[in-house]
Amino acid sequence: MWNPKSRQWLRGRNNWDSLLHNIPEKRDYRIWFHVSSLGEFEQARPVIEQIKELRPGTEIYLSFFSPSGFEQKYNYEFASVLYLPADLPGNAKKWLNAINPDFAVFVKYDLWPGYLNALSRMGIPAILISAHWVPGFGFSSWSNPLTRNLLKDFRKIFLQRGDHLDQLHRKGFQNISVSGDTRIDRARKLPEEVNKRLPYILRENFDFDIVAGSTWPEDEELLIATIMKLNLKTIIAPHDISAPRIDNLLKKISIPSVRLSELKSLDPGIRVLVIDQIGLLSVLYALGKIAYIGGGFGKGIHNSLEAMAHGKPVIFGPNFRKFNEAIDMVALKGAWSIHNKEELIHIIQQLMLTGKSEEAGLLAKQYIEDHSGATSIVTDYIMKSIPYIA
């Protein structure tokens, strides 16, 4: 009753079965992609766009579970975008009869028993891409018996990494191979988009010390203290850009600051720029020397690959262990996890005063290069699985 996101989720699904009647009759090969939210969309996106490039006539339907994902991408040019109805009895059959897909693609670890069972009964092949299944994370773990049964419904599962491949084979999985994370292919292209996507007023200004992305209040408390102590020129892009949230953040910053929508000129006296628009963060990282990734004091960090693609060292909170690239980069000393403001101040000083920033940025850039290529592996499989588009 009091949660705006929940109300948005319910409103988005109002009369969903009536809306299905508006889906046009299939004229070509049709693929249904399902993603949970924006993070999973970034994993599906390079595959969708490569399929459309190889065979433009392919019809793509893309469903979201999350309102935030749907609201940002409902005009996505390469697919027809819909909300996924709740996984309740009868819904999956109605959905599949209306969408009428020839192939289905799920992402990471977003599993819906009703939909997967319906796909299996109807003989529609389904695959899971950029899958990340590790022990110890409850339902999102292949060690859960229910999860293992659902995973066996997929024709193919493409893992992000091969650490647990042997264990999965011993559990009876024969439908698994390692491709990598398709998000990396998307991130790799970001430096080419900087001049096109940045607001004009920022295009010639590449001298910010820190770009902090997808921040939450817990992140901002540490960041503000650090910015004040070290007098850092900073961009903060909050996870929530609602007006009250931005107002509250600006009140906490006692040095000259401005929101992007009110920025008229690049006044050198401004120390903090707060981003109140969506869709810019992935290129804003190009403007800073160091990137701070938010979410690490909550359920988990947001996308660090976007900052790494621009060759930036990354810093984040303690909850990062669900993300392969973060684990790898901490081990390589191209990323740092912090627990408090003292650690954040120390790491930033070390990076800025010793020249380690550039060295760590080169490691990040090289990681992107070394781990790209998953999209072509997945796309080749889809194309070869369908004789008449091979």
Protein backbone atom coordinates (compact mmCIF):
# COMPACT_ATOMS: atom_id res chain seq x y z
CA MET A 1 0.00 0.00 0.00
CA TRP A 2 2.84 2.41 0.79
CA ASN A 3 5.51 1.26 -1.62
CA PRO A 4 5.56 3.27 -4.89
CA LYS A 5 7.46 0.55 -6.76
CA SER A 6 4.94 -2.09 -5.76
CA ARG A 7 2.07 0.11 -6.93
CA GLN A 8 3.90 0.69 -10.21
CA TRP A 9 4.42 -3.09 -10.58
CA LEU A 10 0.69 -3.71 -10.09
CA ARG A 11 -0.43 -0.87 -12.38
CA GLY A 12 1.87 -2.09 -15.12
CA ARG A 13 0.18 -5.48 -15.07
CA ASN A 14 -3.41 -4.20 -15.04
CA ASN A 15 -5.41 -5.84 -17.83
CA TRP A 16 -2.29 -7.58 -19.11
CA ASP A 17 -4.37 -10.39 -20.65
CA SER A 18 -6.40 -7.82 -22.62
CA LEU A 19 -3.21 -6.18 -23.88
CA LEU A 20 -2.06 -9.52 -25.28
CA HIS A 21 -4.87 -9.34 -27.84
CA ASN A 22 -3.02 -6.41 -29.44
CA ILE A 23 0.04 -8.51 -30.27
CA PRO A 24 0.22 -8.81 -34.05
CA GLU A 25 0.23 -12.13 -35.84
CA LYS A 26 3.67 -13.61 -36.26
CA ARG A 27 5.23 -12.98 -39.67
CA ASP A 28 8.77 -14.17 -39.10
CA TYR A 29 10.89 -16.08 -36.61
CA ARG A 30 10.07 -14.80 -33.12
CA ILE A 31 12.30 -14.87 -30.03
CA TRP A 32 11.15 -14.01 -26.52
CA PHE A 33 13.78 -12.57 -24.14
CA HIS A 34 12.95 -12.21 -20.47
CA VAL A 35 14.97 -10.03 -18.08
CA SER A 36 14.42 -9.10 -14.47
CA SER A 37 15.60 -5.48 -14.58
CA LEU A 38 18.17 -3.14 -16.10
CA GLY A 39 21.21 -5.17 -15.11
CA GLU A 40 19.89 -8.26 -16.87
CA PHE A 41 18.75 -6.13 -19.81
CA GLU A 42 22.38 -5.09 -20.34
CA GLN A 43 23.21 -8.80 -20.62
CA ALA A 44 20.41 -9.50 -23.12
CA ARG A 45 20.94 -6.31 -25.12
CA PRO A 46 24.11 -7.24 -27.06
CA VAL A 47 22.57 -10.59 -28.06
CA ILE A 48 19.33 -8.94 -29.22
CA GLU A 49 21.19 -6.33 -31.24
CA GLN A 50 23.54 -8.85 -32.84
CA ILE A 51 20.59 -11.04 -33.88
CA LYS A 52 18.84 -8.01 -35.41
CA GLU A 53 22.04 -7.08 -37.21
CA LEU A 54 22.47 -10.60 -38.63
CA ARG A 55 18.80 -11.08 -39.50
CA PRO A 56 16.79 -7.85 -39.29
CA GLY A 57 13.43 -9.53 -39.86
CA THR A 58 13.61 -11.52 -36.63
CA GLU A 59 10.81 -10.49 -34.27
CA ILE A 60 12.00 -9.85 -30.71
CA TYR A 61 9.70 -9.65 -27.69
CA LEU A 62 11.30 -8.46 -24.46
CA SER A 63 9.64 -8.80 -21.06
CA PHE A 64 10.63 -7.15 -17.78
CA PHE A 65 9.75 -8.11 -14.24
CA SER A 66 10.90 -4.81 -12.70
CA PRO A 67 9.03 -1.51 -13.15
CA SER A 68 12.32 0.43 -13.19
CA GLY A 69 13.58 -1.65 -16.10
CA PHE A 70 10.34 -1.43 -18.04
CA GLU A 71 9.91 2.32 -17.52
CA GLN A 72 13.41 3.05 -18.86
CA LYS A 73 13.33 0.68 -21.83
CA TYR A 74 9.72 0.45 -23.04
CA ASN A 75 10.73 2.38 -26.20
CA TYR A 76 13.71 0.12 -26.94
CA GLU A 77 14.04 0.17 -30.72
CA PHE A 78 15.05 -3.46 -31.24
CA ALA A 79 12.16 -5.18 -29.44
CA SER A 80 8.52 -5.01 -28.43
CA VAL A 81 8.65 -4.46 -24.66
CA LEU A 82 6.10 -5.83 -22.17
CA TYR A 83 5.70 -6.57 -18.48
CA LEU A 84 5.87 -10.26 -17.58
CA PRO A 85 2.62 -11.31 -15.86
CA ALA A 86 2.93 -12.90 -12.43
CA ASP A 87 3.84 -16.60 -12.54
CA LEU A 88 0.40 -17.83 -11.48
CA PRO A 89 -1.54 -20.86 -12.77
CA GLY A 90 -2.78 -20.34 -16.32
CA ASN A 91 -0.81 -17.13 -16.96
CA ALA A 92 2.10 -18.84 -18.71
CA LYS A 93 -0.15 -20.63 -21.20
CA LYS A 94 -2.01 -17.40 -22.05
CA TRP A 95 1.29 -15.54 -22.43
CA LEU A 96 2.93 -18.10 -24.68
CA ASN A 97 -0.18 -18.50 -26.84
CA ALA A 98 -0.23 -14.74 -27.40
CA ILE A 99 3.51 -14.15 -27.84
CA ASN A 100 3.87 -17.40 -29.83
CA PRO A 101 7.67 -17.54 -29.61
CA ASP A 102 9.85 -19.98 -31.52
CA PHE A 103 12.67 -19.62 -29.00
CA ALA A 104 13.03 -18.23 -25.45
CA VAL A 105 16.02 -16.66 -23.71
CA PHE A 106 16.32 -16.10 -19.96
CA VAL A 107 19.16 -14.20 -18.26
CA LYS A 108 21.47 -14.81 -15.29
CA TYR A 109 19.34 -16.60 -12.65
CA ASP A 110 15.81 -15.39 -13.30
CA LEU A 111 13.75 -18.60 -13.20
CA TRP A 112 9.96 -18.89 -13.32
CA PRO A 113 8.64 -22.46 -12.82
CA GLY A 114 5.28 -21.87 -14.54
CA TYR A 115 6.81 -20.33 -17.65
CA LEU A 116 9.63 -22.86 -17.91
CA ASN A 117 7.24 -25.79 -17.52
CA ALA A 118 4.88 -24.32 -20.12
CA LEU A 119 7.75 -23.81 -22.57
CA SER A 120 8.80 -27.42 -22.05
CA ARG A 121 5.25 -28.79 -22.54
CA MET A 122 4.82 -26.74 -25.73
CA GLY A 123 8.18 -27.85 -27.13
CA ILE A 124 9.62 -24.33 -27.29
CA PRO A 125 13.42 -24.39 -26.74
CA ALA A 126 14.71 -22.14 -23.95
CA ILE A 127 18.25 -21.16 -23.01
CA LEU A 128 19.80 -19.33 -20.08
CA ILE A 129 22.58 -16.85 -20.85
CA SER A 130 25.19 -15.13 -18.67
CA ALA A 131 24.17 -17.61 -15.97
CA HIS A 132 25.78 -17.20 -12.58
CA TRP A 133 25.08 -20.13 -10.26
CA VAL A 134 27.20 -20.55 -7.17
CA PRO A 135 26.66 -22.43 -3.90
CA GLY A 136 25.39 -20.58 -0.88
CA PHE A 137 22.97 -18.00 -2.30
CA GLY A 138 19.65 -19.65 -1.45
CA PHE A 139 17.29 -20.06 -4.40
CA SER A 140 19.84 -18.56 -6.79
CA SER A 141 22.10 -21.58 -6.33
CA TRP A 142 22.36 -24.80 -8.32
CA SER A 143 22.70 -26.62 -4.97
CA ASN A 144 18.97 -25.98 -4.34
CA PRO A 145 17.04 -29.10 -5.55
CA LEU A 146 14.15 -27.03 -7.00
CA THR A 147 16.60 -24.84 -8.88
CA ARG A 148 18.46 -27.87 -10.26
CA ASN A 149 15.21 -29.30 -11.63
CA LEU A 150 14.34 -26.02 -13.32
CA LEU A 151 17.80 -25.68 -14.83
CA LYS A 152 17.44 -29.06 -16.49
CA ASP A 153 14.48 -27.68 -18.50
CA PHE A 154 16.87 -25.49 -20.50
CA ARG A 155 18.21 -26.73 -23.78
CA LYS A 156 21.46 -24.89 -23.05
CA ILE A 157 22.93 -22.90 -20.17
CA PHE A 158 25.79 -20.49 -20.86
CA LEU A 159 27.77 -19.83 -17.69
CA GLN A 160 29.66 -16.61 -17.04
CA ARG A 161 32.66 -18.57 -15.77
CA GLY A 162 33.83 -22.16 -15.44
CA ASP A 163 34.69 -22.39 -11.73
CA HIS A 164 31.84 -24.79 -10.99
CA LEU A 165 31.54 -26.55 -14.33
CA ASP A 166 32.90 -29.88 -13.08
CA GLN A 167 30.64 -29.80 -10.03
CA LEU A 168 27.61 -29.13 -12.22
CA HIS A 169 28.57 -32.00 -14.52
CA ARG A 170 28.77 -34.31 -11.50
CA LYS A 171 25.25 -33.20 -10.55
CA GLY A 172 24.02 -34.51 -13.89
CA PHE A 173 24.02 -31.36 -16.00
CA GLN A 174 24.94 -32.04 -19.63
CA ASN A 175 23.41 -28.85 -21.04
CA ILE A 176 26.06 -26.46 -19.75
CA SER A 177 29.02 -24.65 -21.29
CA VAL A 178 31.03 -21.51 -20.51
CA SER A 179 30.63 -18.40 -22.67
CA GLY A 180 31.40 -15.46 -20.38
CA ASP A 181 29.28 -12.45 -19.50
CA THR A 182 27.56 -10.71 -22.42
CA ARG A 183 27.52 -7.43 -20.44
CA ILE A 184 31.23 -7.13 -21.10
CA ASP A 185 30.63 -6.88 -24.86
CA ARG A 186 28.14 -4.09 -24.25
CA ALA A 187 30.52 -2.28 -21.87
CA ARG A 188 33.38 -2.53 -24.35
CA LYS A 189 31.51 -0.23 -26.77
CA LEU A 190 30.87 2.54 -24.24
CA PRO A 191 33.99 4.67 -24.93
CA GLU A 192 32.77 5.07 -28.53
CA GLU A 193 29.50 6.62 -27.26
CA VAL A 194 30.91 9.29 -24.94
CA ASN A 195 30.81 12.29 -27.28
CA LYS A 196 27.43 11.33 -28.69
CA ARG A 197 25.64 10.73 -25.38
CA LEU A 198 27.20 13.22 -22.96
CA PRO A 199 25.34 16.49 -22.44
CA TYR A 200 27.05 19.15 -24.54
CA ILE A 201 28.02 21.21 -21.51
CA LEU A 202 30.14 18.33 -20.14
CA ARG A 203 31.88 17.18 -23.31
CA GLU A 204 35.03 19.22 -22.87
CA ASN A 205 35.26 18.81 -19.10
CA PHE A 206 37.23 15.67 -18.24
CA ASP A 207 38.77 16.68 -14.92
CA PHE A 208 36.53 15.28 -12.20
CA ASP A 209 38.35 13.40 -9.45
CA ILE A 210 35.54 10.97 -8.64
CA VAL A 211 32.47 9.75 -10.51
CA ALA A 212 30.16 7.94 -8.09
CA GLY A 213 27.42 5.91 -9.76
CA SER A 214 24.17 4.33 -8.56
CA THR A 215 24.74 5.55 -5.02
CA TRP A 216 22.52 4.92 -2.01
CA PRO A 217 22.38 7.00 1.19
CA GLU A 218 24.93 4.70 2.89
CA ASP A 219 27.39 5.34 0.05
CA GLU A 220 26.75 9.07 0.04
CA GLU A 221 27.44 9.45 3.74
CA LEU A 222 31.00 8.19 3.18
CA LEU A 223 31.41 10.05 -0.10
CA ILE A 224 30.36 13.44 1.26
CA ALA A 225 32.76 13.14 4.21
CA THR A 226 35.57 12.16 1.82
CA ILE A 227 34.79 14.92 -0.71
CA MET A 228 34.83 17.53 2.06
CA LYS A 229 38.09 16.33 3.61
CA LEU A 230 40.02 15.98 0.33
CA ASN A 231 38.27 18.82 -1.58
CA LEU A 232 37.47 16.50 -4.49
CA LYS A 233 35.67 17.55 -7.64
CA THR A 234 32.93 14.92 -7.86
CA ILE A 235 29.99 13.68 -9.88
CA ILE A 236 27.33 11.81 -7.90
CA ALA A 237 24.68 9.88 -9.82
CA PRO A 238 22.18 8.53 -7.25
CA HIS A 239 20.32 5.28 -7.80
CA ASP A 240 17.06 7.11 -7.05
CA ILE A 241 16.72 10.43 -8.90
CA SER A 242 13.33 11.47 -7.57
CA ALA A 243 13.11 15.18 -6.68
CA PRO A 244 12.85 14.68 -2.88
CA ARG A 245 15.83 12.35 -2.95
CA ILE A 246 17.97 14.81 -4.94
CA ASP A 247 16.89 17.71 -2.71
CA ASN A 248 17.84 15.78 0.41
CA LEU A 249 21.25 14.88 -1.03
CA LEU A 250 22.07 18.46 -2.00
CA LYS A 251 21.15 19.67 1.51
CA LYS A 252 23.84 17.40 2.96
CA ILE A 253 26.59 18.82 0.73
CA SER A 254 27.96 22.02 2.26
CA ILE A 255 30.39 22.89 -0.56
CA PRO A 256 29.27 24.43 -3.91
CA SER A 257 27.10 21.90 -5.71
CA VAL A 258 24.47 21.82 -8.44
CA ARG A 259 22.13 19.38 -10.11
CA LEU A 260 22.72 18.69 -13.80
CA SER A 261 19.33 20.02 -14.90
CA GLU A 262 20.24 23.44 -13.43
CA LEU A 263 23.82 23.57 -14.72
CA LYS A 264 24.21 26.62 -16.99
CA SER A 265 28.00 26.84 -17.24
CA LEU A 266 31.07 24.98 -16.01
CA ASP A 267 31.77 27.27 -13.08
CA PRO A 268 35.17 26.17 -11.69
CA GLY A 269 33.89 26.89 -8.20
CA ILE A 270 31.37 24.03 -8.37
CA ARG A 271 32.78 21.00 -6.56
CA VAL A 272 29.88 18.52 -6.79
CA LEU A 273 27.60 17.81 -9.74
CA VAL A 274 24.53 15.73 -8.88
CA ILE A 275 22.96 13.86 -11.80
CA ASP A 276 19.16 14.03 -11.88
CA GLN A 277 18.65 12.38 -15.28
CA ILE A 278 18.63 8.73 -16.28
CA GLY A 279 20.66 7.06 -19.01
CA LEU A 280 23.94 8.99 -18.62
CA LEU A 281 25.94 7.10 -16.03
CA SER A 282 27.62 4.62 -18.35
CA VAL A 283 29.35 7.48 -20.22
CA LEU A 284 29.81 9.81 -17.24
CA TYR A 285 32.49 7.47 -15.88
CA ALA A 286 34.73 8.75 -18.69
CA LEU A 287 34.91 12.13 -16.94
CA GLY A 288 36.58 11.00 -13.71
CA LYS A 289 39.93 9.69 -12.54
CA ILE A 290 38.39 7.16 -10.12
CA ALA A 291 34.97 5.47 -10.07
CA TYR A 292 32.93 4.68 -6.99
CA ILE A 293 30.22 2.03 -7.52
CA GLY A 294 27.19 2.24 -5.22
CA GLY A 295 25.12 -0.50 -3.61
CA GLY A 296 27.91 -2.26 -1.74
CA PHE A 297 26.42 -1.46 1.66
CA GLY A 298 23.09 -3.00 0.62
CA LYS A 299 22.20 -6.08 -1.41
CA GLY A 300 25.16 -5.75 -3.74
CA ILE A 301 27.09 -3.38 -5.96
CA HIS A 302 25.80 -2.04 -9.24
CA ASN A 303 27.53 -2.36 -12.61
CA SER A 304 31.29 -1.85 -12.30
CA LEU A 305 31.99 -2.97 -15.89
CA GLU A 306 30.82 0.40 -17.23
CA ALA A 307 33.54 2.23 -15.29
CA MET A 308 36.15 -0.41 -16.10
CA ALA A 309 35.44 -0.05 -19.83
CA HIS A 310 36.61 3.58 -19.58
CA GLY A 311 39.83 2.45 -17.91
CA LYS A 312 38.95 3.61 -14.39
CA PRO A 313 39.96 2.04 -11.08
CA VAL A 314 36.87 1.19 -9.05
CA ILE A 315 35.97 1.38 -5.37
CA PHE A 316 32.87 -0.11 -3.75
CA GLY A 317 31.41 -1.31 -0.46
CA PRO A 318 31.77 -4.77 1.11
CA ASN A 319 28.90 -6.61 -0.65
CA PHE A 320 30.43 -7.44 -4.01
CA ARG A 321 30.90 -11.22 -4.02
CA LYS A 322 28.03 -12.00 -6.40
CA PHE A 323 29.90 -10.25 -9.20
CA ASN A 324 32.74 -12.04 -10.96
CA GLU A 325 34.41 -8.93 -12.34
CA ALA A 326 34.51 -7.31 -8.89
CA ILE A 327 36.06 -10.40 -7.30
CA ASP A 328 38.61 -10.65 -10.10
CA MET A 329 39.54 -6.98 -10.04
CA VAL A 330 40.03 -6.90 -6.26
CA ALA A 331 42.42 -9.84 -6.64
CA LEU A 332 44.24 -8.03 -9.47
CA LYS A 333 44.43 -4.78 -7.45
CA GLY A 334 42.40 -2.86 -9.98
CA ALA A 335 39.48 -2.48 -7.53
CA TRP A 336 39.13 -1.92 -3.79
CA SER A 337 36.38 -2.76 -1.31
CA ILE A 338 35.93 -0.39 1.62
CA HIS A 339 33.97 -0.60 4.88
CA ASN A 340 34.09 2.98 6.19
CA LYS A 341 35.06 6.54 5.30
CA GLU A 342 38.59 6.16 6.70
CA GLU A 343 39.29 3.34 4.24
CA LEU A 344 37.73 5.32 1.39
CA ILE A 345 39.88 8.37 2.14
CA HIS A 346 43.01 6.22 2.39
CA ILE A 347 42.42 4.40 -0.92
CA ILE A 348 41.66 7.62 -2.82
CA GLN A 349 44.78 9.30 -1.43
CA GLN A 350 46.89 6.30 -2.40
CA LEU A 351 45.48 6.24 -5.93
CA MET A 352 45.84 9.95 -6.52
CA LEU A 353 49.24 10.54 -4.91
CA THR A 354 51.18 7.47 -6.05
CA GLY A 355 50.16 7.09 -9.68
CA LYS A 356 48.40 3.79 -8.95
CA SER A 357 45.21 5.20 -10.46
CA GLU A 358 46.48 4.95 -14.04
CA GLU A 359 47.98 1.51 -13.45
CA ALA A 360 44.69 0.19 -12.00
CA GLY A 361 42.76 1.78 -14.87
CA LEU A 362 44.90 -0.07 -17.41
CA LEU A 363 44.19 -3.34 -15.57
CA ALA A 364 40.46 -2.61 -15.75
CA LYS A 365 40.61 -1.85 -19.48
CA GLN A 366 42.61 -5.02 -20.14
CA TYR A 367 40.10 -7.10 -18.18
CA ILE A 368 37.32 -5.92 -20.51
CA GLU A 369 39.37 -6.85 -23.56
CA ASP A 370 40.37 -10.26 -22.20
CA HIS A 371 36.82 -11.28 -21.21
CA SER A 372 34.82 -10.10 -24.22
CA GLY A 373 33.26 -12.41 -26.82
CA ALA A 374 30.33 -14.03 -24.99
CA THR A 375 27.74 -12.40 -27.25
CA SER A 376 28.98 -14.11 -30.40
CA ILE A 377 29.04 -17.51 -28.67
CA VAL A 378 25.41 -17.15 -27.56
CA THR A 379 24.20 -15.64 -30.83
CA ASP A 380 25.90 -18.34 -32.91
CA TYR A 381 24.12 -20.99 -30.85
CA ILE A 382 20.72 -19.38 -31.38
CA MET A 383 21.26 -19.01 -35.09
CA LYS A 384 22.51 -22.58 -35.53
CA SER A 385 19.64 -23.99 -33.48
CA ILE A 386 17.17 -22.72 -36.06
CA PRO A 387 17.84 -24.28 -39.48
CA TYR A 388 16.26 -21.66 -41.66
CA ILE A 389 18.17 -18.70 -40.17
CA ALA A 390 21.52 -20.47 -39.93
